[in-house]
Amino acid sequence: MARGHYKVTLARRADWMLIAHTGFLADVSPAAARGLLTDFKAASKRIADDPFQFPYADEMDVPDMPAETYRKCLFYGRYKALFLVEGDEVYIDAIIDCRQENKSLY
């Protein structure tokens, strides 16, 4: 598929993950929570512009994940979005804090 503008959809689970991460940060630093959301919006735009610029996720990202299925976009220093590209649509399925183990995502 040619590069261009892709429609990005945030899965309900990923939305809840983003809310949880933002809520945790807001308890520590409201400015950090705002920074996370701002950087996520910028990352979403980069994904929409060209999702193929991002590498495939691998076993280190999520154990037992099918090879070359999900891509990952790192943002705000320690978070990553895992997403699928299907045609001209991108589905963000998870927002992960890279400091946590991710055994139960898939």
N, C-alpha and C. Protein backbone atom coordinates (compact mmCIF):
# COMPACT_ATOMS: atom_id res chain seq x y z
N MET A 1 0.85 -1.18 0.00
CA MET A 1 0.00 0.00 0.00
C MET A 1 0.89 1.24 0.00
N ALA A 2 0.54 2.20 -0.79
CA ALA A 2 1.30 3.45 -0.84
C ALA A 2 1.15 4.21 0.46
N ARG A 3 2.18 4.95 0.77
CA ARG A 3 2.11 5.75 1.98
C ARG A 3 1.20 6.94 1.77
N GLY A 4 0.58 7.36 2.84
CA GLY A 4 -0.35 8.48 2.77
C GLY A 4 -1.01 8.66 4.11
N HIS A 5 -2.23 9.11 4.10
CA HIS A 5 -2.93 9.31 5.36
C HIS A 5 -3.81 8.10 5.66
N TYR A 6 -3.64 7.55 6.85
CA TYR A 6 -4.37 6.37 7.28
C TYR A 6 -5.35 6.76 8.38
N LYS A 7 -6.47 6.08 8.43
CA LYS A 7 -7.44 6.29 9.50
C LYS A 7 -6.96 5.50 10.71
N VAL A 8 -6.82 6.17 11.85
CA VAL A 8 -6.35 5.52 13.08
C VAL A 8 -7.53 5.32 14.02
N THR A 9 -7.72 4.09 14.48
CA THR A 9 -8.78 3.75 15.43
C THR A 9 -8.14 3.23 16.70
N LEU A 10 -8.56 3.77 17.82
CA LEU A 10 -8.07 3.34 19.12
C LEU A 10 -9.06 2.34 19.69
N ALA A 11 -8.60 1.10 19.90
CA ALA A 11 -9.47 0.06 20.46
C ALA A 11 -9.91 0.46 21.87
N ARG A 12 -11.06 -0.03 22.27
CA ARG A 12 -11.58 0.29 23.60
C ARG A 12 -10.56 -0.07 24.70
N ARG A 13 -9.93 -1.24 24.57
CA ARG A 13 -8.94 -1.65 25.56
C ARG A 13 -7.77 -0.68 25.59
N ALA A 14 -7.29 -0.25 24.42
CA ALA A 14 -6.18 0.70 24.36
C ALA A 14 -6.59 2.04 24.97
N ASP A 15 -7.83 2.43 24.74
CA ASP A 15 -8.34 3.67 25.33
C ASP A 15 -8.30 3.59 26.85
N TRP A 16 -8.74 2.45 27.40
CA TRP A 16 -8.70 2.26 28.85
C TRP A 16 -7.27 2.24 29.37
N MET A 17 -6.36 1.64 28.61
CA MET A 17 -4.95 1.61 29.02
C MET A 17 -4.40 3.04 29.08
N LEU A 18 -4.72 3.84 28.07
CA LEU A 18 -4.26 5.23 28.03
C LEU A 18 -4.84 6.01 29.21
N ILE A 19 -6.10 5.80 29.50
CA ILE A 19 -6.74 6.46 30.65
C ILE A 19 -6.04 6.06 31.95
N ALA A 20 -5.74 4.77 32.10
CA ALA A 20 -5.08 4.29 33.32
C ALA A 20 -3.69 4.90 33.48
N HIS A 21 -2.91 4.93 32.39
CA HIS A 21 -1.57 5.50 32.46
C HIS A 21 -1.64 6.99 32.78
N THR A 22 -2.57 7.69 32.14
CA THR A 22 -2.73 9.12 32.37
C THR A 22 -3.18 9.40 33.80
N GLY A 23 -4.11 8.59 34.29
CA GLY A 23 -4.58 8.76 35.66
C GLY A 23 -3.47 8.55 36.68
N PHE A 24 -2.66 7.53 36.45
CA PHE A 24 -1.54 7.28 37.36
C PHE A 24 -0.59 8.47 37.37
N LEU A 25 -0.24 8.97 36.17
CA LEU A 25 0.66 10.11 36.10
C LEU A 25 0.05 11.36 36.72
N ALA A 26 -1.25 11.56 36.53
CA ALA A 26 -1.92 12.75 37.07
C ALA A 26 -1.84 12.79 38.58
N ASP A 27 -1.84 11.62 39.22
CA ASP A 27 -1.71 11.58 40.68
C ASP A 27 -0.33 12.05 41.13
N VAL A 28 0.67 11.85 40.29
CA VAL A 28 2.04 12.23 40.61
C VAL A 28 2.35 13.64 40.10
N SER A 29 1.94 13.89 38.84
CA SER A 29 2.25 15.17 38.20
C SER A 29 1.24 15.45 37.09
N PRO A 30 0.33 16.40 37.29
CA PRO A 30 -0.62 16.75 36.22
C PRO A 30 0.09 17.17 34.93
N ALA A 31 1.22 17.83 35.06
CA ALA A 31 1.98 18.24 33.87
C ALA A 31 2.47 17.02 33.09
N ALA A 32 2.91 15.98 33.80
CA ALA A 32 3.36 14.75 33.13
C ALA A 32 2.19 14.07 32.42
N ALA A 33 1.02 14.08 33.04
CA ALA A 33 -0.17 13.48 32.41
C ALA A 33 -0.51 14.23 31.12
N ARG A 34 -0.47 15.55 31.17
CA ARG A 34 -0.73 16.34 29.96
C ARG A 34 0.33 16.05 28.89
N GLY A 35 1.58 15.90 29.33
CA GLY A 35 2.65 15.58 28.38
C GLY A 35 2.43 14.24 27.70
N LEU A 36 2.00 13.26 28.48
CA LEU A 36 1.71 11.94 27.90
C LEU A 36 0.63 12.06 26.82
N LEU A 37 -0.45 12.76 27.12
CA LEU A 37 -1.54 12.88 26.14
C LEU A 37 -1.10 13.66 24.91
N THR A 38 -0.35 14.73 25.11
CA THR A 38 0.15 15.52 23.99
C THR A 38 1.05 14.68 23.09
N ASP A 39 1.94 13.92 23.70
CA ASP A 39 2.85 13.10 22.91
C ASP A 39 2.12 11.94 22.24
N PHE A 40 1.09 11.39 22.90
CA PHE A 40 0.31 10.33 22.26
C PHE A 40 -0.40 10.88 21.02
N LYS A 41 -0.94 12.08 21.11
CA LYS A 41 -1.60 12.69 19.94
C LYS A 41 -0.60 12.87 18.80
N ALA A 42 0.61 13.31 19.11
CA ALA A 42 1.64 13.47 18.09
C ALA A 42 2.03 12.12 17.50
N ALA A 43 2.14 11.10 18.34
CA ALA A 43 2.47 9.76 17.86
C ALA A 43 1.37 9.23 16.95
N SER A 44 0.12 9.47 17.33
CA SER A 44 -1.01 9.03 16.50
C SER A 44 -0.97 9.68 15.13
N LYS A 45 -0.59 10.95 15.09
CA LYS A 45 -0.47 11.65 13.80
C LYS A 45 0.65 11.05 12.95
N ARG A 46 1.79 10.73 13.60
CA ARG A 46 2.89 10.10 12.86
C ARG A 46 2.46 8.74 12.32
N ILE A 47 1.71 8.00 13.11
CA ILE A 47 1.20 6.70 12.66
C ILE A 47 0.26 6.90 11.48
N ALA A 48 -0.63 7.87 11.57
CA ALA A 48 -1.58 8.14 10.48
C ALA A 48 -0.86 8.56 9.20
N ASP A 49 0.23 9.29 9.34
CA ASP A 49 0.99 9.75 8.17
C ASP A 49 1.69 8.59 7.46
N ASP A 50 2.27 7.68 8.24
CA ASP A 50 2.99 6.55 7.64
C ASP A 50 3.25 5.47 8.69
N PRO A 51 2.31 4.53 8.85
CA PRO A 51 2.50 3.49 9.86
C PRO A 51 3.67 2.55 9.57
N PHE A 52 4.12 2.52 8.31
CA PHE A 52 5.19 1.59 7.95
C PHE A 52 6.57 2.09 8.34
N GLN A 53 6.66 3.31 8.86
CA GLN A 53 7.95 3.81 9.35
C GLN A 53 8.33 3.16 10.67
N PHE A 54 7.38 2.49 11.32
CA PHE A 54 7.61 1.89 12.63
C PHE A 54 7.93 0.41 12.49
N PRO A 55 8.83 -0.08 13.34
CA PRO A 55 9.23 -1.50 13.24
C PRO A 55 8.14 -2.43 13.76
N TYR A 56 8.26 -3.67 13.34
CA TYR A 56 7.37 -4.69 13.89
C TYR A 56 7.71 -4.91 15.36
N ALA A 57 6.68 -5.17 16.14
CA ALA A 57 6.88 -5.58 17.52
C ALA A 57 7.41 -7.01 17.50
N ASP A 58 8.09 -7.38 18.57
CA ASP A 58 8.66 -8.73 18.61
C ASP A 58 8.41 -9.38 19.97
N GLU A 59 9.02 -10.51 20.16
CA GLU A 59 8.85 -11.29 21.39
C GLU A 59 9.23 -10.48 22.64
N MET A 60 10.16 -9.56 22.50
CA MET A 60 10.54 -8.72 23.63
C MET A 60 9.43 -7.75 24.00
N ASP A 61 8.60 -7.38 23.04
CA ASP A 61 7.51 -6.45 23.30
C ASP A 61 6.33 -7.17 23.97
N VAL A 62 5.93 -8.27 23.39
CA VAL A 62 4.82 -9.06 23.93
C VAL A 62 5.09 -10.53 23.61
N PRO A 63 5.28 -11.35 24.63
CA PRO A 63 5.52 -12.77 24.38
C PRO A 63 4.36 -13.43 23.63
N ASP A 64 4.67 -14.40 22.80
CA ASP A 64 3.68 -15.18 22.05
C ASP A 64 2.87 -14.37 21.05
N MET A 65 3.39 -13.24 20.62
CA MET A 65 2.71 -12.45 19.60
C MET A 65 3.05 -13.00 18.22
N PRO A 66 2.08 -13.08 17.31
CA PRO A 66 2.38 -13.55 15.96
C PRO A 66 3.45 -12.66 15.30
N ALA A 67 4.40 -13.28 14.63
CA ALA A 67 5.50 -12.54 14.00
C ALA A 67 4.99 -11.61 12.90
N GLU A 68 5.61 -10.45 12.83
CA GLU A 68 5.33 -9.46 11.79
C GLU A 68 3.84 -9.17 11.63
N THR A 69 3.17 -9.00 12.74
CA THR A 69 1.74 -8.66 12.74
C THR A 69 1.53 -7.26 13.28
N TYR A 70 2.01 -7.04 14.48
CA TYR A 70 1.86 -5.73 15.14
C TYR A 70 3.11 -4.89 14.94
N ARG A 71 2.91 -3.60 14.84
CA ARG A 71 4.00 -2.65 14.81
C ARG A 71 3.98 -1.88 16.12
N LYS A 72 5.09 -1.21 16.43
CA LYS A 72 5.16 -0.47 17.68
C LYS A 72 5.65 0.95 17.43
N CYS A 73 5.07 1.86 18.18
CA CYS A 73 5.48 3.26 18.15
C CYS A 73 5.79 3.68 19.57
N LEU A 74 7.03 4.08 19.80
CA LEU A 74 7.43 4.54 21.12
C LEU A 74 7.10 6.02 21.25
N PHE A 75 6.64 6.42 22.44
CA PHE A 75 6.33 7.83 22.68
C PHE A 75 6.48 8.15 24.15
N TYR A 76 6.62 9.39 24.45
CA TYR A 76 6.76 9.94 25.79
C TYR A 76 7.78 9.17 26.64
N GLY A 77 8.86 8.81 26.00
CA GLY A 77 9.98 8.23 26.72
C GLY A 77 9.89 6.76 27.06
N ARG A 78 8.74 6.31 27.56
CA ARG A 78 8.68 4.92 28.02
C ARG A 78 7.37 4.22 27.70
N TYR A 79 6.60 4.76 26.80
CA TYR A 79 5.33 4.14 26.42
C TYR A 79 5.41 3.71 24.96
N LYS A 80 4.62 2.68 24.65
CA LYS A 80 4.55 2.26 23.25
C LYS A 80 3.12 1.91 22.90
N ALA A 81 2.79 2.21 21.67
CA ALA A 81 1.50 1.83 21.10
C ALA A 81 1.75 0.63 20.20
N LEU A 82 0.95 -0.42 20.37
CA LEU A 82 1.01 -1.57 19.47
C LEU A 82 -0.18 -1.47 18.53
N PHE A 83 0.10 -1.61 17.24
CA PHE A 83 -0.98 -1.42 16.26
C PHE A 83 -0.83 -2.34 15.06
N LEU A 84 -1.98 -2.55 14.41
CA LEU A 84 -2.08 -3.33 13.17
C LEU A 84 -2.40 -2.39 12.03
N VAL A 85 -1.91 -2.71 10.84
CA VAL A 85 -2.26 -1.96 9.64
C VAL A 85 -3.05 -2.89 8.74
N GLU A 86 -4.26 -2.48 8.39
CA GLU A 86 -5.11 -3.25 7.48
C GLU A 86 -5.65 -2.31 6.42
N GLY A 87 -5.10 -2.44 5.22
CA GLY A 87 -5.51 -1.55 4.14
C GLY A 87 -5.12 -0.12 4.47
N ASP A 88 -6.10 0.78 4.46
CA ASP A 88 -5.81 2.18 4.78
C ASP A 88 -6.24 2.54 6.20
N GLU A 89 -6.38 1.51 7.04
CA GLU A 89 -6.76 1.73 8.43
C GLU A 89 -5.70 1.15 9.38
N VAL A 90 -5.54 1.84 10.51
CA VAL A 90 -4.62 1.42 11.56
C VAL A 90 -5.43 1.25 12.82
N TYR A 91 -5.20 0.13 13.51
CA TYR A 91 -5.91 -0.17 14.74
C TYR A 91 -4.90 -0.23 15.88
N ILE A 92 -4.97 0.75 16.78
CA ILE A 92 -4.11 0.72 17.97
C ILE A 92 -4.81 -0.16 18.99
N ASP A 93 -4.16 -1.28 19.32
CA ASP A 93 -4.77 -2.27 20.21
C ASP A 93 -4.27 -2.20 21.65
N ALA A 94 -3.12 -1.58 21.89
CA ALA A 94 -2.59 -1.52 23.26
C ALA A 94 -1.69 -0.32 23.43
N ILE A 95 -1.71 0.24 24.63
CA ILE A 95 -0.80 1.29 25.05
C ILE A 95 -0.07 0.72 26.28
N ILE A 96 1.23 0.56 26.16
CA ILE A 96 1.99 -0.16 27.17
C ILE A 96 3.04 0.74 27.80
N ASP A 97 3.16 0.65 29.11
CA ASP A 97 4.27 1.25 29.83
C ASP A 97 5.42 0.26 29.70
N CYS A 98 6.49 0.63 29.07
CA CYS A 98 7.59 -0.28 28.77
C CYS A 98 8.29 -0.82 30.01
N ARG A 99 8.02 -0.25 31.17
CA ARG A 99 8.64 -0.73 32.40
C ARG A 99 7.90 -1.93 32.98
N GLN A 100 6.73 -2.25 32.43
CA GLN A 100 5.92 -3.34 32.96
C GLN A 100 6.07 -4.58 32.09
N GLU A 101 5.85 -5.75 32.68
CA GLU A 101 5.81 -6.98 31.89
C GLU A 101 4.48 -7.05 31.17
N ASN A 102 4.50 -7.62 29.97
CA ASN A 102 3.32 -7.60 29.11
C ASN A 102 2.85 -9.00 28.73
N LYS A 103 2.91 -9.92 29.65
CA LYS A 103 2.59 -11.32 29.35
C LYS A 103 1.13 -11.54 29.03
N SER A 104 0.24 -10.71 29.51
CA SER A 104 -1.20 -11.00 29.38
C SER A 104 -1.90 -10.17 28.31
N LEU A 105 -1.18 -9.55 27.40
CA LEU A 105 -1.85 -8.71 26.40
C LEU A 105 -2.57 -9.51 25.33
N TYR A 106 -1.98 -10.64 24.92
CA TYR A 106 -2.58 -11.39 23.80
C TYR A 106 -2.73 -12.82 24.15
